[in-house]
C-alpha atoms as a PDB file:
ATOM      1  CA  MET A   1     -60.182-104.816  13.920  1.00  0.00           C
ATOM      2  CA  THR A   2     -62.647-104.491  11.050  1.00  0.00           C
ATOM      3  CA  GLY A   3     -66.363-104.042  11.762  1.00  0.00           C
ATOM      4  CA  GLY A   4     -65.843-105.328  15.296  1.00  0.00           C
ATOM      5  CA  ILE A   5     -64.315-108.617  14.084  1.00  0.00           C
ATOM      6  CA  PRO A   6     -60.734-109.393  15.177  1.00  0.00           C
ATOM      7  CA  GLN A   7     -58.287-109.782  12.338  1.00  0.00           C
ATOM      8  CA  GLU A   8     -55.392-112.232  12.361  1.00  0.00           C
ATOM      9  CA  SER A   9     -52.959-109.523  13.405  1.00  0.00           C
ATOM     10  CA  SER A  10     -55.019-108.819  16.536  1.00  0.00           C
ATOM     11  CA  VAL A  11     -54.176-112.250  17.982  1.00  0.00           C
ATOM     12  CA  VAL A  12     -51.488-111.533  20.554  1.00  0.00           C
ATOM     13  CA  PRO A  13     -48.970-114.402  20.966  1.00  0.00           C
ATOM     14  CA  GLY A  14     -48.925-115.658  24.538  1.00  0.00           C
ATOM     15  CA  ARG A  15     -52.060-113.726  25.478  1.00  0.00           C
ATOM     16  CA  ASN A  16     -54.453-115.773  23.336  1.00  0.00           C
ATOM     17  CA  ASP A  17     -52.775-119.165  23.624  1.00  0.00           C
ATOM     18  CA  GLN A  18     -55.980-121.008  22.745  1.00  0.00           C
ATOM     19  CA  LEU A  19     -56.057-119.179  19.414  1.00  0.00           C
ATOM     20  CA  ALA A  20     -52.391-119.795  18.621  1.00  0.00           C
ATOM     21  CA  GLY A  21     -51.803-122.282  15.872  1.00  0.00           C
ATOM     22  CA  ALA A  22     -53.115-122.692  12.380  1.00  0.00           C
ATOM     23  CA  ALA A  23     -54.553-119.555  10.806  1.00  0.00           C
ATOM     24  CA  ARG A  24     -57.518-121.538   9.496  1.00  0.00           C
ATOM     25  CA  LEU A  25     -58.483-122.304  13.104  1.00  0.00           C
ATOM     26  CA  ARG A  26     -58.401-118.592  13.954  1.00  0.00           C
ATOM     27  CA  ARG A  27     -60.748-117.907  11.039  1.00  0.00           C
ATOM     28  CA  LEU A  28     -63.422-120.482  11.939  1.00  0.00           C
ATOM     29  CA  PRO A  29     -66.331-118.671  13.593  1.00  0.00           C
ATOM     30  CA  THR A  30     -67.732-121.962  14.902  1.00  0.00           C
ATOM     31  CA  ARG A  31     -64.453-122.716  16.675  1.00  0.00           C
ATOM     32  CA  LEU A  32     -64.235-119.203  18.089  1.00  0.00           C
ATOM     33  CA  LEU A  33     -67.848-119.431  19.240  1.00  0.00           C
ATOM     34  CA  SER A  34     -67.112-122.758  20.911  1.00  0.00           C
ATOM     35  CA  LEU A  35     -64.033-121.404  22.712  1.00  0.00           C
ATOM     36  CA  ALA A  36     -65.932-118.335  23.892  1.00  0.00           C
ATOM     37  CA  ALA A  37     -68.889-120.464  25.035  1.00  0.00           C
ATOM     38  CA  THR A  38     -66.626-122.832  26.943  1.00  0.00           C
ATOM     39  CA  GLU A  39     -64.986-119.942  28.800  1.00  0.00           C
ATOM     40  CA  SER A  40     -68.338-118.286  29.467  1.00  0.00           C
ATOM     41  CA  ASP A  41     -69.859-121.548  30.780  1.00  0.00           C
ATOM     42  CA  ARG A  42     -66.899-122.132  33.072  1.00  0.00           C
ATOM     43  CA  ARG A  43     -67.146-118.663  34.572  1.00  0.00           C
ATOM     44  CA  VAL A  44     -70.938-118.809  34.954  1.00  0.00           C
ATOM     45  CA  ASN A  45     -70.785-122.199  36.680  1.00  0.00           C
ATOM     46  CA  GLU A  46     -68.017-121.056  39.034  1.00  0.00           C
ATOM     47  CA  LYS A  47     -69.856-117.864  39.974  1.00  0.00           C
ATOM     48  CA  LEU A  48     -73.183-119.618  40.554  1.00  0.00           C
ATOM     49  CA  ALA A  49     -71.476-122.289  42.659  1.00  0.00           C
ATOM     50  CA  LEU A  50     -70.347-119.554  45.077  1.00  0.00           C
ATOM     51  CA  VAL A  51     -73.960-119.269  46.233  1.00  0.00           C
ATOM     52  CA  GLY A  52     -74.864-122.948  45.811  1.00  0.00           C
ATOM     53  CA  ALA A  53     -76.764-122.373  42.586  1.00  0.00           C
ATOM     54  CA  ARG A  54     -76.773-123.886  39.130  1.00  0.00           C
ATOM     55  CA  ARG A  55     -77.782-122.491  35.746  1.00  0.00           C
ATOM     56  CA  TRP A  56     -81.069-124.437  35.801  1.00  0.00           C
ATOM     57  CA  HIS A  57     -81.954-122.839  39.136  1.00  0.00           C
ATOM     58  CA  TYR A  58     -81.602-119.451  37.493  1.00  0.00           C
ATOM     59  CA  ALA A  59     -83.644-120.529  34.456  1.00  0.00           C
ATOM     60  CA  VAL A  60     -86.561-121.706  36.616  1.00  0.00           C
ATOM     61  CA  LEU A  61     -86.506-118.676  38.926  1.00  0.00           C
ATOM     62  CA  ALA A  62     -86.297-116.208  36.024  1.00  0.00           C
ATOM     63  CA  THR A  63     -89.109-117.981  34.167  1.00  0.00           C
ATOM     64  CA  LEU A  64     -91.387-117.954  37.208  1.00  0.00           C
ATOM     65  CA  ASP A  65     -90.594-114.287  37.783  1.00  0.00           C
ATOM     66  CA  GLU A  66     -91.530-113.374  34.230  1.00  0.00           C
ATOM     67  CA  PHE A  67     -94.516-115.671  33.614  1.00  0.00           C
ATOM     68  CA  GLY A  68     -95.886-116.307  37.100  1.00  0.00           C
ATOM     69  CA  PRO A  69     -96.892-119.710  38.464  1.00  0.00           C
ATOM     70  CA  GLU A  70     -96.293-122.533  35.980  1.00  0.00           C
ATOM     71  CA  SER A  71     -96.791-126.270  35.837  1.00  0.00           C
ATOM     72  CA  GLN A  72     -93.727-128.486  35.777  1.00  0.00           C
ATOM     73  CA  ALA A  73     -94.456-129.299  32.122  1.00  0.00           C
ATOM     74  CA  GLU A  74     -94.679-125.590  31.232  1.00  0.00           C
ATOM     75  CA  LEU A  75     -91.409-124.895  33.052  1.00  0.00           C
ATOM     76  CA  SER A  76     -89.755-127.724  31.159  1.00  0.00           C
ATOM     77  CA  SER A  77     -90.944-126.315  27.859  1.00  0.00           C
ATOM     78  CA  ARG A  78     -90.024-122.692  28.611  1.00  0.00           C
ATOM     79  CA  THR A  79     -86.578-123.441  30.065  1.00  0.00           C
ATOM     80  CA  GLY A  80     -85.471-126.329  27.868  1.00  0.00           C
ATOM     81  CA  ILE A  81     -84.902-128.548  30.914  1.00  0.00           C
ATOM     82  CA  TYR A  82     -85.950-132.150  30.286  1.00  0.00           C
ATOM     83  CA  ARG A  83     -89.189-133.007  32.078  1.00  0.00           C
ATOM     84  CA  SER A  84     -87.445-135.699  34.101  1.00  0.00           C
ATOM     85  CA  ASP A  85     -84.790-133.212  35.229  1.00  0.00           C
ATOM     86  CA  VAL A  86     -87.097-130.283  35.967  1.00  0.00           C
ATOM     87  CA  VAL A  87     -88.583-132.209  38.901  1.00  0.00           C
ATOM     88  CA  ALA A  88     -85.142-132.486  40.527  1.00  0.00           C
ATOM     89  CA  VAL A  89     -84.466-128.784  39.967  1.00  0.00           C
ATOM     90  CA  ILE A  90     -87.826-127.847  41.485  1.00  0.00           C
ATOM     91  CA  ASN A  91     -87.146-130.162  44.433  1.00  0.00           C
ATOM     92  CA  GLU A  92     -83.809-128.425  45.069  1.00  0.00           C
ATOM     93  CA  LEU A  93     -85.412-124.978  44.876  1.00  0.00           C
ATOM     94  CA  ALA A  94     -88.357-126.020  47.075  1.00  0.00           C
ATOM     95  CA  GLU A  95     -85.999-127.443  49.739  1.00  0.00           C
ATOM     96  CA  ARG A  96     -84.363-124.011  49.946  1.00  0.00           C
ATOM     97  CA  GLY A  97     -87.696-122.221  50.100  1.00  0.00           C
ATOM     98  CA  PHE A  98     -87.234-120.492  46.737  1.00  0.00           C
ATOM     99  CA  VAL A  99     -90.357-122.011  45.156  1.00  0.00           C
ATOM    100  CA  GLU A 100     -93.565-123.587  46.377  1.00  0.00           C
ATOM    101  CA  ARG A 101     -95.306-126.540  44.755  1.00  0.00           C
ATOM    102  CA  ALA A 102     -99.090-126.799  45.159  1.00  0.00           C
ATOM    103  CA  PRO A 103    -101.901-128.606  43.349  1.00  0.00           C
ATOM    104  CA  ASP A 104    -103.461-126.568  40.537  1.00  0.00           C
ATOM    105  CA  SER A 105    -107.026-125.660  41.559  1.00  0.00           C
ATOM    106  CA  ALA A 106    -108.117-125.950  37.904  1.00  0.00           C
ATOM    107  CA  ASP A 107    -106.551-129.406  37.458  1.00  0.00           C
ATOM    108  CA  ARG A 108    -105.677-131.277  40.657  1.00  0.00           C
ATOM    109  CA  ARG A 109    -103.536-133.761  38.662  1.00  0.00           C
ATOM    110  CA  ARG A 110    -100.838-131.166  38.093  1.00  0.00           C
ATOM    111  CA  ASN A 111     -98.777-128.975  40.378  1.00  0.00           C
ATOM    112  CA  LEU A 112     -98.215-125.264  40.008  1.00  0.00           C
ATOM    113  CA  ILE A 113     -94.787-123.930  40.915  1.00  0.00           C
ATOM    114  CA  THR A 114     -94.700-120.445  42.423  1.00  0.00           C
ATOM    115  CA  LEU A 115     -91.767-118.154  43.148  1.00  0.00           C
ATOM    116  CA  THR A 116     -91.502-117.224  46.842  1.00  0.00           C
ATOM    117  CA  GLU A 117     -90.124-114.043  48.406  1.00  0.00           C
ATOM    118  CA  PRO A 118     -86.818-115.786  49.276  1.00  0.00           C
ATOM    119  CA  GLY A 119     -86.763-117.046  45.685  1.00  0.00           C
ATOM    120  CA  GLN A 120     -87.182-113.474  44.453  1.00  0.00           C
ATOM    121  CA  ARG A 121     -84.210-112.417  46.596  1.00  0.00           C
ATOM    122  CA  GLN A 122     -82.159-115.352  45.287  1.00  0.00           C
ATOM    123  CA  LEU A 123     -83.031-114.380  41.715  1.00  0.00           C
ATOM    124  CA  TYR A 124     -81.824-110.841  42.402  1.00  0.00           C
ATOM    125  CA  THR A 125     -78.545-112.244  43.780  1.00  0.00           C
ATOM    126  CA  LEU A 126     -78.115-114.466  40.735  1.00  0.00           C
ATOM    127  CA  ASP A 127     -78.887-111.539  38.409  1.00  0.00           C
ATOM    128  CA  GLN A 128     -76.078-109.575  40.067  1.00  0.00           C
ATOM    129  CA  LEU A 129     -73.627-112.481  39.822  1.00  0.00           C
ATOM    130  CA  LEU A 130     -74.414-113.091  36.175  1.00  0.00           C
ATOM    131  CA  ALA A 131     -74.028-109.387  35.394  1.00  0.00           C
ATOM    132  CA  GLU A 132     -70.522-109.606  36.884  1.00  0.00           C
ATOM    133  CA  VAL A 133     -69.713-112.620  34.711  1.00  0.00           C
ATOM    134  CA  GLU A 134     -71.019-110.850  31.614  1.00  0.00           C
ATOM    135  CA  ASP A 135     -68.807-107.873  32.376  1.00  0.00           C
ATOM    136  CA  GLU A 136     -65.783-110.170  32.785  1.00  0.00           C
ATOM    137  CA  VAL A 137     -66.427-112.271  29.685  1.00  0.00           C
ATOM    138  CA  LEU A 138     -67.403-109.353  27.457  1.00  0.00           C
ATOM    139  CA  ALA A 139     -64.851-106.878  28.869  1.00  0.00           C
ATOM    140  CA  PRO A 140     -63.055-106.249  25.566  1.00  0.00           C
ATOM    141  CA  LEU A 141     -66.311-105.294  23.804  1.00  0.00           C
ATOM    142  CA  THR A 142     -67.978-101.892  23.744  1.00  0.00           C
ATOM    143  CA  ALA A 143     -71.640-101.561  24.683  1.00  0.00           C
ATOM    144  CA  ALA A 144     -72.550-101.384  20.994  1.00  0.00           C
ATOM    145  CA  GLN A 145     -70.514-104.526  20.242  1.00  0.00           C
ATOM    146  CA  ARG A 146     -72.165-106.371  23.148  1.00  0.00           C
ATOM    147  CA  ASN A 147     -75.571-105.424  21.780  1.00  0.00           C
ATOM    148  CA  GLN A 148     -74.588-106.530  18.283  1.00  0.00           C
ATOM    149  CA  LEU A 149     -73.219-109.828  19.604  1.00  0.00           C
ATOM    150  CA  ALA A 150     -76.464-110.501  21.480  1.00  0.00           C
ATOM    151  CA  GLN A 151     -78.481-109.742  18.352  1.00  0.00           C
ATOM    152  CA  LEU A 152     -76.347-112.040  16.180  1.00  0.00           C
ATOM    153  CA  LEU A 153     -76.437-114.871  18.701  1.00  0.00           C
ATOM    154  CA  THR A 154     -80.219-114.505  18.947  1.00  0.00           C
ATOM    155  CA  VAL A 155     -80.470-114.885  15.158  1.00  0.00           C
ATOM    156  CA  LEU A 156     -78.384-118.076  15.315  1.00  0.00           C
ATOM    157  CA  VAL A 157     -80.284-119.557  18.241  1.00  0.00           C
ATOM    158  CA  ASN A 158     -83.670-118.805  16.671  1.00  0.00           C
ATOM    159  CA  HIS A 159     -82.549-120.167  13.302  1.00  0.00           C
ATOM    160  CA  HIS A 160     -81.584-123.474  14.869  1.00  0.00           C
ATOM    161  CA  GLY A 161     -84.992-123.860  16.469  1.00  0.00           C
ATOM    162  CA  ARG A 162     -84.326-122.982  20.094  1.00  0.00           C
ATOM    163  CA  GLN A 163     -86.826-120.410  21.344  1.00  0.00           C
ATOM    164  CA  MET A 164     -85.555-118.042  23.990  1.00  0.00           C
END
């Protein structure tokens, strides 16, 4: 390994079957990023499903926790969930008692979404589950490498116009 980047010789036959094949495929960062993202997404979705949650549930709960009550439009903008879809996510969370929807006293035409105490507990549960997934997915990396990976991914995401 050089500078934290796996070299061709570090690909173990049989252990990294998805990377077996043409050397040019093993050298394409975009392909490696895609493979890692696919595995990460699969594990996140499986873990969240254990408690009847989805990634958008987490996004809304975490956003409300950090920013306080928000309108549906603000939640859509902050989370990247399409406006038409954010309503369904809020409905699911409201049915479970994790958020409350109430008219905004400053503008009765819009609703404010507020995190409830059960929603706070659910967010804590989801934080714990996602920490477990991160530990599984990033197991071969040191703490410094994990930090570096997060920094590099943030640069890419910001460069391509997606605010976090």
